């Protein structure tokens, strides 16, 4: 397979979300194989480091711009809302100008084939002029479940832009079926790759007696539920501790909650870590108490180190990672009592723990970065030299 031109389209290349993490892993793997990779980023955060290595070319469209929502001109003119109209005209002018810039960027490739991977749908509004270029293959992705997308403005964007792309990739079978049912004919499935995979002895993991969780400290991630569940069984698990990695606005209220339960010697908010693999391998099992997810990287990473997982049933992707009662356990969102029981169950049964741990590691092979990379290459071959539609 010859060297390919690959462009990742991102909202903010230096945001620290799952989408950026996935794009940086793929970028590293593609570049190691000699492909040319660039990042086209709609915005950037000021002075924030990114997951991408220095040598990756990054083109930022807007350094300090937040695209407002489109508004209707005539009705606002009738209502004499001139400021609103002026803003909308400016928005349209900027969009047109930046589309031209995007066009110029892609003209730099001449007639060579370019694979554009739109990791998030938001950036697609700048790609419109390229929809009909034969050498440009656009692959759309959505890193969240249909349910999560529907609760936001993104779903409408997906319907507008992703019907027309060469391939629209979903994270799970269930989400793929949803779009097939509403008439999309370009659907595929692609898992997120784990950045690492290492076998750890189940006995050693169990001896750590640490429960691990990670994510942004925000209400939606459900860490309050996890803290309360652990508090219910803490006295029955005397040597076990709980460690939560990540930072965010809910930190203060979570600290207060830990104080209320009198567990500041047993529950630790560890902040953001640069080395999540070491944190995971220092743990025993992983808990995801989230309210909504796509295909959570944190669960995939935990399994890739052999940690059994307990997760809320917060997305169709959960059941593609956790095979219940084989490598982990699943609970309804916000079910503190069942979460507490499951924590106790895994912590108090070494034999159950060992079998879950082995199965978790075996299952993680399908998220291995080499496996996922091959799937991307198969997709490029399939789309190569093909026209749209």
Protein backbone atom coordinates (compact mmCIF):
# COMPACT_ATOMS: atom_id res chain seq x y z
CA UNK A 1 0.00 0.00 0.00
CA UNK A 2 1.53 3.32 -1.12
CA UNK A 3 1.91 6.37 1.07
CA UNK A 4 -1.42 8.03 1.76
CA UNK A 5 -2.41 11.63 2.50
CA UNK A 6 -4.53 11.68 5.65
CA UNK A 7 -6.11 14.75 7.26
CA UNK A 8 -7.85 14.70 10.64
CA UNK A 9 -10.60 17.31 11.04
CA UNK A 10 -11.04 18.31 14.70
CA UNK A 11 -12.86 21.04 16.64
CA UNK A 12 -9.86 21.81 18.85
CA UNK A 13 -6.73 19.74 18.33
CA UNK A 14 -5.45 20.54 21.82
CA UNK A 15 -8.57 19.73 23.76
CA UNK A 16 -8.03 16.69 26.00
CA UNK A 17 -11.10 14.67 25.07
CA UNK A 18 -11.42 11.08 23.86
CA UNK A 19 -11.68 12.17 20.20
CA UNK A 20 -8.31 13.96 20.31
CA UNK A 21 -6.78 10.97 22.09
CA UNK A 22 -7.97 8.59 19.37
CA UNK A 23 -6.78 10.92 16.58
CA UNK A 24 -3.32 11.19 18.18
CA UNK A 25 -2.93 7.39 18.47
CA UNK A 26 -3.95 6.89 14.82
CA UNK A 27 -1.69 9.76 13.71
CA UNK A 28 1.29 8.18 15.45
CA UNK A 29 0.58 4.78 13.85
CA UNK A 30 -0.06 6.16 10.35
CA UNK A 31 3.07 8.33 10.42
CA UNK A 32 5.21 5.41 11.66
CA UNK A 33 4.14 3.60 8.46
CA UNK A 34 5.29 6.53 6.31
CA UNK A 35 1.91 8.16 5.56
CA UNK A 36 1.55 11.95 5.45
CA UNK A 37 -0.76 13.15 8.21
CA UNK A 38 -2.01 16.69 8.92
CA UNK A 39 -4.48 18.09 11.43
CA UNK A 40 -7.09 20.63 10.36
CA UNK A 41 -8.44 22.21 13.54
CA UNK A 42 -11.39 24.62 13.64
CA UNK A 43 -10.23 26.31 16.87
CA UNK A 44 -7.44 26.01 19.39
CA UNK A 45 -7.16 26.58 23.11
CA UNK A 46 -4.63 29.18 24.18
CA UNK A 47 -1.31 27.79 25.45
CA UNK A 48 -2.57 24.26 26.06
CA UNK A 49 -0.36 21.30 25.10
CA UNK A 50 -1.90 18.64 22.85
CA UNK A 51 -1.66 14.84 22.56
CA UNK A 52 -0.04 15.24 19.12
CA UNK A 53 3.72 15.05 18.65
CA UNK A 54 5.66 18.16 17.59
CA UNK A 55 6.26 16.97 14.03
CA UNK A 56 2.55 16.70 13.16
CA UNK A 57 1.53 19.71 11.00
CA UNK A 58 -1.48 21.50 12.52
CA UNK A 59 -3.52 24.07 10.58
CA UNK A 60 -5.86 26.15 12.75
CA UNK A 61 -8.74 27.90 10.98
CA UNK A 62 -9.78 30.27 13.76
CA UNK A 63 -7.50 31.22 16.60
CA UNK A 64 -10.13 33.02 18.67
CA UNK A 65 -13.49 32.34 17.10
CA UNK A 66 -16.59 30.56 18.37
CA UNK A 67 -18.98 30.07 15.49
CA UNK A 68 -22.40 31.27 16.65
CA UNK A 69 -25.54 29.42 15.60
CA UNK A 70 -26.96 30.42 12.23
CA UNK A 71 -29.99 32.70 12.48
CA UNK A 72 -32.75 33.67 10.09
CA UNK A 73 -32.19 37.09 8.55
CA UNK A 74 -35.59 38.28 7.28
CA UNK A 75 -37.55 37.75 10.51
CA UNK A 76 -34.87 39.56 12.51
CA UNK A 77 -34.85 42.44 10.05
CA UNK A 78 -38.62 42.75 10.37
CA UNK A 79 -38.19 42.92 14.14
CA UNK A 80 -35.47 45.57 13.72
CA UNK A 81 -32.86 43.37 15.39
CA UNK A 82 -30.02 44.95 13.48
CA UNK A 83 -27.21 43.81 15.80
CA UNK A 84 -28.35 40.21 15.39
CA UNK A 85 -28.49 40.59 11.62
CA UNK A 86 -25.04 42.19 11.51
CA UNK A 87 -23.66 39.27 13.55
CA UNK A 88 -25.25 36.75 11.21
CA UNK A 89 -23.85 38.49 8.13
CA UNK A 90 -20.41 38.50 9.73
CA UNK A 91 -20.78 34.79 10.53
CA UNK A 92 -21.69 34.00 6.91
CA UNK A 93 -18.80 36.09 5.63
CA UNK A 94 -16.34 34.33 7.96
CA UNK A 95 -17.66 30.90 7.02
CA UNK A 96 -17.28 31.70 3.32
CA UNK A 97 -13.78 33.09 3.82
CA UNK A 98 -12.64 30.10 5.86
CA UNK A 99 -14.18 27.63 3.39
CA UNK A 100 -12.00 29.27 0.76
CA UNK A 101 -8.96 28.74 3.03
CA UNK A 102 -9.88 25.07 3.44
CA UNK A 103 -10.24 24.74 -0.33
CA UNK A 104 -6.80 26.29 -0.82
CA UNK A 105 -5.31 23.91 1.74
CA UNK A 106 -6.65 20.89 -0.16
CA UNK A 107 -5.58 22.33 -3.53
CA UNK A 108 -2.04 21.87 -2.20
CA UNK A 109 -2.49 18.11 -2.70
CA UNK A 110 -3.17 18.54 -6.42
CA UNK A 111 -4.90 15.43 -7.81
CA UNK A 112 -3.49 13.10 -5.15
CA UNK A 113 -5.97 11.17 -3.08
CA UNK A 114 -6.65 12.57 0.39
CA UNK A 115 -8.52 10.76 3.16
CA UNK A 116 -10.20 13.25 5.47
CA UNK A 117 -11.25 11.78 8.81
CA UNK A 118 -13.83 14.08 10.41
CA UNK A 119 -13.51 13.00 14.02
CA UNK A 120 -16.31 15.41 14.99
CA UNK A 121 -19.20 16.61 12.83
CA UNK A 122 -18.89 20.30 13.81
CA UNK A 123 -15.99 20.92 11.41
CA UNK A 124 -17.98 19.65 8.42
CA UNK A 125 -19.57 23.04 7.70
CA UNK A 126 -16.13 24.23 6.50
CA UNK A 127 -15.77 21.23 4.17
CA UNK A 128 -18.74 21.86 1.90
CA UNK A 129 -16.78 22.94 -1.20
CA UNK A 130 -14.90 19.61 -1.14
CA UNK A 131 -17.89 17.29 -1.22
CA UNK A 132 -17.70 16.83 -4.97
CA UNK A 133 -13.95 16.60 -5.42
CA UNK A 134 -13.16 13.17 -6.76
CA UNK A 135 -9.78 12.81 -5.06
CA UNK A 136 -11.04 13.72 -1.58
CA UNK A 137 -12.64 10.92 0.43
CA UNK A 138 -14.39 12.16 3.54
CA UNK A 139 -14.87 9.70 6.39
CA UNK A 140 -17.24 10.94 9.08
CA UNK A 141 -17.16 9.77 12.69
CA UNK A 142 -19.31 10.24 15.74
CA UNK A 143 -17.61 9.48 19.04
CA UNK A 144 -20.82 9.35 21.02
CA UNK A 145 -23.96 7.27 21.08
CA UNK A 146 -27.05 8.19 19.06
CA UNK A 147 -28.83 8.94 22.33
CA UNK A 148 -26.16 11.47 23.35
CA UNK A 149 -26.08 13.06 19.86
CA UNK A 150 -29.87 13.38 19.82
CA UNK A 151 -29.78 15.33 23.06
CA UNK A 152 -27.67 18.00 21.32
CA UNK A 153 -27.50 20.03 18.11
CA UNK A 154 -25.01 17.50 16.71
CA UNK A 155 -27.66 15.04 15.56
CA UNK A 156 -29.08 17.53 13.06
CA UNK A 157 -25.57 18.21 11.77
CA UNK A 158 -24.97 14.48 11.33
CA UNK A 159 -28.13 14.20 9.22
CA UNK A 160 -27.06 17.23 7.15
CA UNK A 161 -23.43 16.34 6.48
CA UNK A 162 -22.74 12.66 7.04
CA UNK A 163 -25.28 11.33 4.53
CA UNK A 164 -23.07 12.70 1.78
CA UNK A 165 -19.64 11.45 2.88
CA UNK A 166 -17.80 8.39 1.51
CA UNK A 167 -18.19 6.52 4.79
CA UNK A 168 -19.85 7.28 8.12
CA UNK A 169 -18.29 5.26 10.94
CA UNK A 170 -20.08 4.48 14.19
CA UNK A 171 -18.61 3.05 17.36
CA UNK A 172 -21.16 0.29 17.86
CA UNK A 173 -23.42 -2.10 15.96
CA UNK A 174 -26.52 -0.67 17.61
CA UNK A 175 -25.76 2.90 16.57
CA UNK A 176 -24.89 1.74 13.04
CA UNK A 177 -28.28 0.04 12.76
CA UNK A 178 -30.06 3.26 13.75
CA UNK A 179 -28.60 5.15 10.76
CA UNK A 180 -29.19 2.26 8.36
CA UNK A 181 -32.84 2.24 9.39
CA UNK A 182 -33.20 5.94 8.51
CA UNK A 183 -31.74 5.42 5.05
CA UNK A 184 -27.98 6.01 5.32
CA UNK A 185 -26.17 3.80 2.79
CA UNK A 186 -22.57 4.56 3.79
CA UNK A 187 -22.40 3.09 7.30
CA UNK A 188 -19.48 1.24 8.87
CA UNK A 189 -18.22 0.42 12.37
CA UNK A 190 -14.80 1.31 13.75
CA UNK A 191 -13.68 0.80 17.34
CA UNK A 192 -11.37 3.20 19.16
CA UNK A 193 -7.84 1.81 19.57
CA UNK A 194 -6.26 1.46 22.98
CA UNK A 195 -2.93 3.32 23.20
CA UNK A 196 -1.40 0.39 25.11
CA UNK A 197 -2.01 -3.26 25.88
CA UNK A 198 -0.12 -5.28 28.47
CA UNK A 199 -0.82 -8.54 30.27
CA UNK A 200 -0.66 -8.20 34.07
CA UNK A 201 -0.90 -11.10 36.48
CA UNK A 202 -4.46 -11.19 37.92
CA UNK A 203 -2.97 -12.09 41.33
CA UNK A 204 -0.72 -9.01 41.31
CA UNK A 205 -3.60 -6.75 40.28
CA UNK A 206 -5.79 -8.16 43.05
CA UNK A 207 -3.05 -7.54 45.63
CA UNK A 208 -3.08 -3.80 44.78
CA UNK A 209 -6.51 -3.55 46.47
CA UNK A 210 -7.23 -0.31 44.61
CA UNK A 211 -10.41 0.60 42.77
CA UNK A 212 -9.69 2.96 39.88
CA UNK A 213 -11.89 5.41 37.98
CA UNK A 214 -11.10 8.27 35.61
CA UNK A 215 -12.72 11.07 33.61
CA UNK A 216 -13.55 14.77 33.75
CA UNK A 217 -14.85 15.74 37.19
CA UNK A 218 -18.27 16.85 36.00
CA UNK A 219 -21.76 15.89 37.11
CA UNK A 220 -22.42 13.63 34.10
CA UNK A 221 -19.57 11.31 35.01
CA UNK A 222 -21.37 10.12 38.18
CA UNK A 223 -18.39 10.16 40.57
CA UNK A 224 -20.71 11.18 43.43
CA UNK A 225 -22.57 7.90 42.91
CA UNK A 226 -19.29 5.96 42.99
CA UNK A 227 -18.15 7.68 46.20
CA UNK A 228 -21.46 6.96 47.90
CA UNK A 229 -21.46 3.32 46.75
CA UNK A 230 -17.92 2.81 48.06
CA UNK A 231 -18.89 4.48 51.35
CA UNK A 232 -21.65 1.86 51.81
CA UNK A 233 -19.19 -1.05 51.72
CA UNK A 234 -15.93 0.58 52.87
CA UNK A 235 -16.15 -0.92 56.37
CA UNK A 236 -16.49 -4.43 54.88
CA UNK A 237 -13.45 -3.91 52.60
CA UNK A 238 -10.92 -2.70 55.18
CA UNK A 239 -7.77 -2.65 53.00
CA UNK A 240 -9.30 -1.31 49.79
CA UNK A 241 -9.00 2.28 48.53
CA UNK A 242 -10.65 4.23 45.71
CA UNK A 243 -8.62 6.44 43.33
CA UNK A 244 -10.26 8.85 40.86
CA UNK A 245 -8.10 10.38 38.09
CA UNK A 246 -9.10 13.59 36.27
CA UNK A 247 -9.87 17.21 37.01
CA UNK A 248 -12.86 19.48 36.50
CA UNK A 249 -15.40 21.81 38.10
CA UNK A 250 -16.97 19.19 40.39
CA UNK A 251 -13.74 18.66 42.34
CA UNK A 252 -14.73 20.77 45.34
CA UNK A 253 -18.15 19.18 45.81
CA UNK A 254 -16.64 15.68 45.48
CA UNK A 255 -14.03 16.56 48.14
CA UNK A 256 -16.83 17.73 50.42
CA UNK A 257 -18.71 14.48 49.84
CA UNK A 258 -15.61 12.44 50.76
CA UNK A 259 -15.27 14.52 53.96
CA UNK A 260 -18.93 13.99 54.84
CA UNK A 261 -18.40 10.21 54.68
CA UNK A 262 -15.17 10.58 56.64
CA UNK A 263 -13.24 8.71 53.95
CA UNK A 264 -10.40 11.08 53.07
CA UNK A 265 -7.89 8.34 54.02
CA UNK A 266 -9.63 5.84 51.70
CA UNK A 267 -10.83 7.86 48.66
CA UNK A 268 -8.32 9.92 46.69
CA UNK A 269 -8.92 12.50 43.96
CA UNK A 270 -5.63 12.11 42.10
CA UNK A 271 -6.06 14.94 39.55
CA UNK A 272 -5.05 14.67 35.89
CA UNK A 273 -2.29 12.15 35.21
CA UNK A 274 0.16 12.16 32.30
CA UNK A 275 0.62 8.42 32.66
CA UNK A 276 -2.76 6.70 32.86
CA UNK A 277 -1.26 3.27 32.07
CA UNK A 278 0.82 3.25 35.26
CA UNK A 279 -2.22 4.42 37.23
CA UNK A 280 -4.34 1.59 35.79
CA UNK A 281 -1.67 -1.07 36.35
CA UNK A 282 -1.39 0.06 39.96
CA UNK A 283 -5.09 -0.70 40.40
CA UNK A 284 -7.21 -3.85 40.78
CA UNK A 285 -10.47 -3.16 39.01
CA UNK A 286 -12.05 -0.22 37.21
CA UNK A 287 -15.45 1.44 37.75
CA UNK A 288 -17.18 3.70 35.20
CA UNK A 289 -20.16 5.39 36.94
CA UNK A 290 -21.00 7.67 33.97
CA UNK A 291 -24.49 8.79 32.84
CA UNK A 292 -23.72 8.92 29.08
CA UNK A 293 -20.78 7.77 26.93
CA UNK A 294 -19.95 6.55 23.40
CA UNK A 295 -17.33 3.81 23.47
CA UNK A 296 -15.41 4.86 26.59
CA UNK A 297 -11.63 4.89 26.17
CA UNK A 298 -11.20 4.49 29.93
CA UNK A 299 -12.90 1.06 29.95
CA UNK A 300 -10.93 -0.10 26.90
CA UNK A 301 -7.65 1.03 28.52
CA UNK A 302 -8.51 -0.70 31.80
CA UNK A 303 -9.33 -3.97 30.03
CA UNK A 304 -6.13 -3.71 27.98
CA UNK A 305 -4.20 -4.03 31.25
CA UNK A 306 -6.39 -6.90 32.48
CA UNK A 307 -8.59 -4.99 34.92
CA UNK A 308 -12.12 -6.31 35.43
CA UNK A 309 -14.63 -3.48 34.89
CA UNK A 310 -17.90 -2.45 36.50
CA UNK A 311 -19.82 0.08 34.41
CA UNK A 312 -23.19 1.77 34.24
CA UNK A 313 -25.28 0.83 31.21
CA UNK A 314 -24.68 4.33 29.84
CA UNK A 315 -24.27 3.57 26.10
CA UNK A 316 -24.68 0.73 23.61
CA UNK A 317 -20.87 0.58 23.44
CA UNK A 318 -20.64 -0.70 27.02
CA UNK A 319 -21.91 -4.16 26.04
CA UNK A 320 -19.36 -4.35 23.22
CA UNK A 321 -16.61 -3.92 25.82
CA UNK A 322 -18.05 -5.72 28.85
CA UNK A 323 -19.41 -9.22 28.43
CA UNK A 324 -21.48 -9.33 31.60
CA UNK A 325 -20.52 -11.99 34.17
CA UNK A 326 -17.54 -13.02 31.99
CA UNK A 327 -15.17 -10.06 32.26
CA UNK A 328 -17.12 -7.50 34.27
CA UNK A 329 -20.47 -6.28 35.54
CA UNK A 330 -23.05 -3.74 34.32
CA UNK A 331 -25.47 -1.70 36.45
CA UNK A 332 -28.28 0.76 35.64
CA UNK A 333 -27.25 4.45 35.69
CA UNK A 334 -27.35 5.94 39.22
CA UNK A 335 -27.99 2.61 40.99
CA UNK A 336 -25.91 3.19 44.14
CA UNK A 337 -27.08 0.01 45.92
CA UNK A 338 -26.27 -2.38 43.09
CA UNK A 339 -22.92 -0.65 42.45
CA UNK A 340 -22.03 -1.09 46.13
CA UNK A 341 -22.96 -4.80 45.98
CA UNK A 342 -20.93 -5.35 42.80
CA UNK A 343 -17.87 -3.58 44.24
CA UNK A 344 -18.06 -5.84 47.28
CA UNK A 345 -18.54 -8.91 45.12
CA UNK A 346 -15.47 -8.32 42.95
CA UNK A 347 -13.31 -7.22 45.90
CA UNK A 348 -14.24 -10.17 48.14
CA UNK A 349 -14.02 -13.00 45.56
CA UNK A 350 -10.43 -13.54 44.38
CA UNK A 351 -11.39 -16.46 42.10
CA UNK A 352 -14.12 -14.43 40.37
CA UNK A 353 -11.64 -11.55 40.10
CA UNK A 354 -8.96 -13.75 38.47
CA UNK A 355 -11.33 -15.14 35.84
CA UNK A 356 -12.77 -11.66 35.05
CA UNK A 357 -9.22 -10.29 34.74
CA UNK A 358 -8.06 -12.95 32.27
CA UNK A 359 -11.22 -12.60 30.15
CA UNK A 360 -10.96 -8.77 30.18
CA UNK A 361 -7.43 -8.91 28.78
CA UNK A 362 -8.37 -11.47 26.09
CA UNK A 363 -11.37 -9.37 25.06
CA UNK A 364 -9.22 -6.25 24.69
CA UNK A 365 -7.47 -7.68 21.63
CA UNK A 366 -10.20 -6.27 19.36
CA UNK A 367 -9.22 -2.75 20.50
CA UNK A 368 -5.49 -3.33 19.97
CA UNK A 369 -3.96 -0.49 17.96
CA UNK A 370 -2.42 -2.84 15.37
CA UNK A 371 -5.79 -4.50 14.80
CA UNK A 372 -7.58 -1.15 14.43
CA UNK A 373 -4.85 0.27 12.17
CA UNK A 374 -5.31 -2.66 9.75
CA UNK A 375 -9.05 -1.94 9.66
CA UNK A 376 -8.36 1.68 8.70
CA UNK A 377 -6.04 0.53 5.91
CA UNK A 378 -8.73 -1.83 4.61
CA UNK A 379 -11.15 1.09 4.57
CA UNK A 380 -8.70 3.32 2.65
CA UNK A 381 -8.25 0.55 0.07
CA UNK A 382 -12.01 0.14 -0.24
CA UNK A 383 -12.55 3.88 -0.83
CA UNK A 384 -9.46 4.43 -2.99
CA UNK A 385 -10.18 5.60 -6.51
CA UNK A 386 -13.93 5.47 -5.89
CA UNK A 387 -16.38 8.23 -6.64
CA UNK A 388 -19.02 9.23 -4.15
CA UNK A 389 -22.35 7.53 -3.87
